[in-house]
Amino acid sequence: MPAQQSTPENLKTFVPYVEKKGEEYMNDKQKEHFRQILLNWKAELMEEVDRTVSHMKDEAANFPDPADRATQEEEFSLELRTRDRERKLIKKIDSTINLIDEDDYGYCTTCGVDIGIKRLEARPTATLCIDCKTLDEIKERQERG
């Protein structure tokens, strides 16, 4: 099962893009909209990293009781795994921003069709259209058995 990622609905400043009739797909205004979503998302993830470091420094204690020590180590381990997933997500956000800079954002990497504004708002780092993603998931399930 793929790891769950944070999604933009967690963003405090998210405002959906309102398309105008006849508007060209992935125009400068739309690209800037997604760039801001991605930059805000990245900033929130970076804040979480800072909070984790502070929390671990503040809470680090050498408990004499082995059970208390084990509990703290497990807590830190879970937090570090979460931060590792977020670190990978930050890399993905950075590569998505590069796609915007290269005018390749918003198009399926498999078939080249528009991914769509609504799908990109739900998953700003999406690189596959819904049809190719569905096929990809079906193949993945068949390979796993």
C-alpha atoms as a PDB file:
ATOM      1  CA  MET A   1       0.000   0.000   0.000  1.00  0.00           C
ATOM      2  CA  PRO A   2       1.481   3.418  -0.939  1.00  0.00           C
ATOM      3  CA  ALA A   3       2.426   5.713   1.930  1.00  0.00           C
ATOM      4  CA  GLN A   4      -0.086   8.423   2.749  1.00  0.00           C
ATOM      5  CA  GLN A   5       1.085  11.922   1.914  1.00  0.00           C
ATOM      6  CA  SER A   6       0.025  15.269   3.247  1.00  0.00           C
ATOM      7  CA  THR A   7      -2.400  16.900   0.866  1.00  0.00           C
ATOM      8  CA  PRO A   8      -3.029  20.530   0.069  1.00  0.00           C
ATOM      9  CA  GLU A   9      -6.324  20.571   1.954  1.00  0.00           C
ATOM     10  CA  ASN A  10      -4.075  20.870   5.014  1.00  0.00           C
ATOM     11  CA  LEU A  11      -2.787  24.188   3.709  1.00  0.00           C
ATOM     12  CA  LYS A  12      -4.012  27.175   5.661  1.00  0.00           C
ATOM     13  CA  THR A  13      -4.059  29.566   2.693  1.00  0.00           C
ATOM     14  CA  PHE A  14      -5.496  27.338  -0.043  1.00  0.00           C
ATOM     15  CA  VAL A  15      -7.993  29.040  -2.359  1.00  0.00           C
ATOM     16  CA  PRO A  16      -9.303  27.028  -5.359  1.00  0.00           C
ATOM     17  CA  TYR A  17      -8.526  28.368  -8.819  1.00  0.00           C
ATOM     18  CA  VAL A  18     -11.563  29.653 -10.713  1.00  0.00           C
ATOM     19  CA  GLU A  19     -11.205  28.938 -14.418  1.00  0.00           C
ATOM     20  CA  LYS A  20     -12.539  31.465 -16.879  1.00  0.00           C
ATOM     21  CA  LYS A  21     -14.449  30.269 -19.930  1.00  0.00           C
ATOM     22  CA  GLY A  22     -12.090  29.641 -22.854  1.00  0.00           C
ATOM     23  CA  GLU A  23      -9.013  30.089 -20.680  1.00  0.00           C
ATOM     24  CA  GLU A  24      -5.846  28.411 -21.972  1.00  0.00           C
ATOM     25  CA  TYR A  25      -4.716  25.430 -19.895  1.00  0.00           C
ATOM     26  CA  MET A  26      -1.598  26.020 -17.782  1.00  0.00           C
ATOM     27  CA  ASN A  27      -1.334  29.704 -18.536  1.00  0.00           C
ATOM     28  CA  ASP A  28       0.902  31.935 -16.424  1.00  0.00           C
ATOM     29  CA  LYS A  29      -1.859  32.629 -13.890  1.00  0.00           C
ATOM     30  CA  GLN A  30      -2.523  28.912 -13.341  1.00  0.00           C
ATOM     31  CA  LYS A  31       1.180  28.109 -13.074  1.00  0.00           C
ATOM     32  CA  GLU A  32       1.602  30.839 -10.483  1.00  0.00           C
ATOM     33  CA  HIS A  33      -1.418  29.477  -8.569  1.00  0.00           C
ATOM     34  CA  PHE A  34       0.197  26.038  -8.354  1.00  0.00           C
ATOM     35  CA  ARG A  35       3.642  27.449  -7.600  1.00  0.00           C
ATOM     36  CA  GLN A  36       2.117  29.220  -4.556  1.00  0.00           C
ATOM     37  CA  ILE A  37       0.318  26.063  -3.436  1.00  0.00           C
ATOM     38  CA  LEU A  38       3.571  24.102  -3.655  1.00  0.00           C
ATOM     39  CA  LEU A  39       5.666  26.784  -1.935  1.00  0.00           C
ATOM     40  CA  ASN A  40       3.127  27.118   0.910  1.00  0.00           C
ATOM     41  CA  TRP A  41       2.979  23.337   1.287  1.00  0.00           C
ATOM     42  CA  LYS A  42       6.775  23.121   1.397  1.00  0.00           C
ATOM     43  CA  ALA A  43       6.950  25.931   3.986  1.00  0.00           C
ATOM     44  CA  GLU A  44       4.457  24.103   6.235  1.00  0.00           C
ATOM     45  CA  LEU A  45       6.454  20.880   5.954  1.00  0.00           C
ATOM     46  CA  MET A  46       9.659  22.732   6.812  1.00  0.00           C
ATOM     47  CA  GLU A  47       7.953  24.217   9.895  1.00  0.00           C
ATOM     48  CA  GLU A  48       7.064  20.666  10.991  1.00  0.00           C
ATOM     49  CA  VAL A  49      10.719  19.646  10.622  1.00  0.00           C
ATOM     50  CA  ASP A  50      11.777  22.557  12.828  1.00  0.00           C
ATOM     51  CA  ARG A  51       9.121  21.692  15.407  1.00  0.00           C
ATOM     52  CA  THR A  52      10.286  18.073  15.492  1.00  0.00           C
ATOM     53  CA  VAL A  53      13.918  19.048  16.053  1.00  0.00           C
ATOM     54  CA  SER A  54      12.924  21.417  18.866  1.00  0.00           C
ATOM     55  CA  HIS A  55      10.599  18.833  20.412  1.00  0.00           C
ATOM     56  CA  MET A  56      13.240  16.115  20.339  1.00  0.00           C
ATOM     57  CA  LYS A  57      15.826  18.410  21.920  1.00  0.00           C
ATOM     58  CA  ASP A  58      13.404  19.566  24.624  1.00  0.00           C
ATOM     59  CA  GLU A  59      12.000  16.121  25.389  1.00  0.00           C
ATOM     60  CA  ALA A  60      15.224  14.127  25.209  1.00  0.00           C
ATOM     61  CA  ALA A  61      15.794  12.638  28.628  1.00  0.00           C
ATOM     62  CA  ASN A  62      17.659   9.672  29.942  1.00  0.00           C
ATOM     63  CA  PHE A  63      14.886   7.959  31.852  1.00  0.00           C
ATOM     64  CA  PRO A  64      16.102   5.487  34.478  1.00  0.00           C
ATOM     65  CA  ASP A  65      13.073   3.263  33.849  1.00  0.00           C
ATOM     66  CA  PRO A  66      13.622   1.060  30.757  1.00  0.00           C
ATOM     67  CA  ALA A  67       9.905   1.157  29.882  1.00  0.00           C
ATOM     68  CA  ASP A  68       9.892   4.971  29.871  1.00  0.00           C
ATOM     69  CA  ARG A  69      13.053   4.997  27.742  1.00  0.00           C
ATOM     70  CA  ALA A  70      11.513   2.529  25.298  1.00  0.00           C
ATOM     71  CA  THR A  71       8.336   4.595  25.044  1.00  0.00           C
ATOM     72  CA  GLN A  72      10.321   7.735  24.292  1.00  0.00           C
ATOM     73  CA  GLU A  73      12.471   5.950  21.697  1.00  0.00           C
ATOM     74  CA  GLU A  74       9.366   4.579  19.966  1.00  0.00           C
ATOM     75  CA  GLU A  75       7.801   8.051  19.964  1.00  0.00           C
ATOM     76  CA  PHE A  76      10.939   9.564  18.428  1.00  0.00           C
ATOM     77  CA  SER A  77      11.159   6.735  15.909  1.00  0.00           C
ATOM     78  CA  LEU A  78       7.602   7.360  14.704  1.00  0.00           C
ATOM     79  CA  GLU A  79       8.266  11.077  14.460  1.00  0.00           C
ATOM     80  CA  LEU A  80      11.460  10.526  12.484  1.00  0.00           C
ATOM     81  CA  ARG A  81       9.700   8.173  10.048  1.00  0.00           C
ATOM     82  CA  THR A  82       7.048  10.808   9.468  1.00  0.00           C
ATOM     83  CA  ARG A  83       9.716  13.469   8.892  1.00  0.00           C
ATOM     84  CA  ASP A  84      11.502  11.119   6.454  1.00  0.00           C
ATOM     85  CA  ARG A  85       8.299  10.764   4.400  1.00  0.00           C
ATOM     86  CA  GLU A  86       7.922  14.532   4.481  1.00  0.00           C
ATOM     87  CA  ARG A  87      11.563  14.963   3.401  1.00  0.00           C
ATOM     88  CA  LYS A  88      10.815  12.813   0.357  1.00  0.00           C
ATOM     89  CA  LEU A  89       7.674  14.849  -0.274  1.00  0.00           C
ATOM     90  CA  ILE A  90       9.706  18.083  -0.126  1.00  0.00           C
ATOM     91  CA  LYS A  91      11.996  16.650  -2.831  1.00  0.00           C
ATOM     92  CA  LYS A  92       8.923  15.828  -4.919  1.00  0.00           C
ATOM     93  CA  ILE A  93       7.578  19.356  -4.398  1.00  0.00           C
ATOM     94  CA  ASP A  94      10.925  20.791  -5.545  1.00  0.00           C
ATOM     95  CA  SER A  95      10.920  18.643  -8.688  1.00  0.00           C
ATOM     96  CA  THR A  96       7.302  19.693  -9.360  1.00  0.00           C
ATOM     97  CA  ILE A  97       8.295  23.363  -9.107  1.00  0.00           C
ATOM     98  CA  ASN A  98      11.017  22.590 -11.664  1.00  0.00           C
ATOM     99  CA  LEU A  99       8.335  21.174 -13.967  1.00  0.00           C
ATOM    100  CA  ILE A 100       6.454  24.466 -13.675  1.00  0.00           C
ATOM    101  CA  ASP A 101       9.653  26.369 -14.520  1.00  0.00           C
ATOM    102  CA  GLU A 102      10.199  24.140 -17.577  1.00  0.00           C
ATOM    103  CA  ASP A 103       6.548  24.505 -18.761  1.00  0.00           C
ATOM    104  CA  ASP A 104       6.003  20.753 -18.376  1.00  0.00           C
ATOM    105  CA  TYR A 105       3.642  20.968 -15.400  1.00  0.00           C
ATOM    106  CA  GLY A 106       0.055  19.787 -15.637  1.00  0.00           C
ATOM    107  CA  TYR A 107       0.517  17.218 -18.387  1.00  0.00           C
ATOM    108  CA  CYS A 108       0.543  13.439 -17.990  1.00  0.00           C
ATOM    109  CA  THR A 109       4.051  12.019 -18.305  1.00  0.00           C
ATOM    110  CA  THR A 110       2.649   8.838 -19.873  1.00  0.00           C
ATOM    111  CA  CYS A 111       0.135  10.047 -22.452  1.00  0.00           C
ATOM    112  CA  GLY A 112       0.648  13.830 -22.535  1.00  0.00           C
ATOM    113  CA  VAL A 113      -2.988  14.746 -21.860  1.00  0.00           C
ATOM    114  CA  ASP A 114      -3.956  17.592 -19.475  1.00  0.00           C
ATOM    115  CA  ILE A 115      -4.071  16.336 -15.894  1.00  0.00           C
ATOM    116  CA  GLY A 116      -6.672  18.981 -15.004  1.00  0.00           C
ATOM    117  CA  ILE A 117      -6.901  21.836 -12.529  1.00  0.00           C
ATOM    118  CA  LYS A 118      -9.112  20.017  -9.997  1.00  0.00           C
ATOM    119  CA  ARG A 119      -6.891  16.922  -9.905  1.00  0.00           C
ATOM    120  CA  LEU A 120      -3.787  19.081  -9.521  1.00  0.00           C
ATOM    121  CA  GLU A 121      -5.399  20.985  -6.676  1.00  0.00           C
ATOM    122  CA  ALA A 122      -6.161  17.672  -4.967  1.00  0.00           C
ATOM    123  CA  ARG A 123      -2.642  16.357  -5.670  1.00  0.00           C
ATOM    124  CA  PRO A 124      -0.326  19.186  -6.827  1.00  0.00           C
ATOM    125  CA  THR A 125       2.557  16.763  -7.375  1.00  0.00           C
ATOM    126  CA  ALA A 126       0.536  14.520  -9.724  1.00  0.00           C
ATOM    127  CA  THR A 127       2.355  13.528 -12.902  1.00  0.00           C
ATOM    128  CA  LEU A 128      -0.270  11.155 -14.304  1.00  0.00           C
ATOM    129  CA  CYS A 129      -3.789  11.831 -15.554  1.00  0.00           C
ATOM    130  CA  ILE A 130      -6.540   9.952 -13.738  1.00  0.00           C
ATOM    131  CA  ASP A 131      -6.769   7.250 -16.449  1.00  0.00           C
ATOM    132  CA  CYS A 132      -3.018   6.503 -16.468  1.00  0.00           C
ATOM    133  CA  LYS A 133      -2.919   6.563 -12.650  1.00  0.00           C
ATOM    134  CA  THR A 134      -5.812   4.089 -12.509  1.00  0.00           C
ATOM    135  CA  LEU A 135      -4.022   1.761 -14.958  1.00  0.00           C
ATOM    136  CA  ASP A 136      -0.802   2.140 -12.960  1.00  0.00           C
ATOM    137  CA  GLU A 137      -2.588   1.110  -9.756  1.00  0.00           C
ATOM    138  CA  ILE A 138      -4.245  -1.873 -11.467  1.00  0.00           C
ATOM    139  CA  LYS A 139      -0.835  -3.054 -12.742  1.00  0.00           C
ATOM    140  CA  GLU A 140       0.660  -2.590  -9.277  1.00  0.00           C
ATOM    141  CA  ARG A 141      -2.099  -4.712  -7.689  1.00  0.00           C
ATOM    142  CA  GLN A 142      -1.661  -7.447 -10.311  1.00  0.00           C
ATOM    143  CA  GLU A 143       2.094  -7.562  -9.746  1.00  0.00           C
ATOM    144  CA  ARG A 144       1.664  -7.874  -5.978  1.00  0.00           C
ATOM    145  CA  GLY A 145      -0.897 -10.619  -6.430  1.00  0.00           C
END
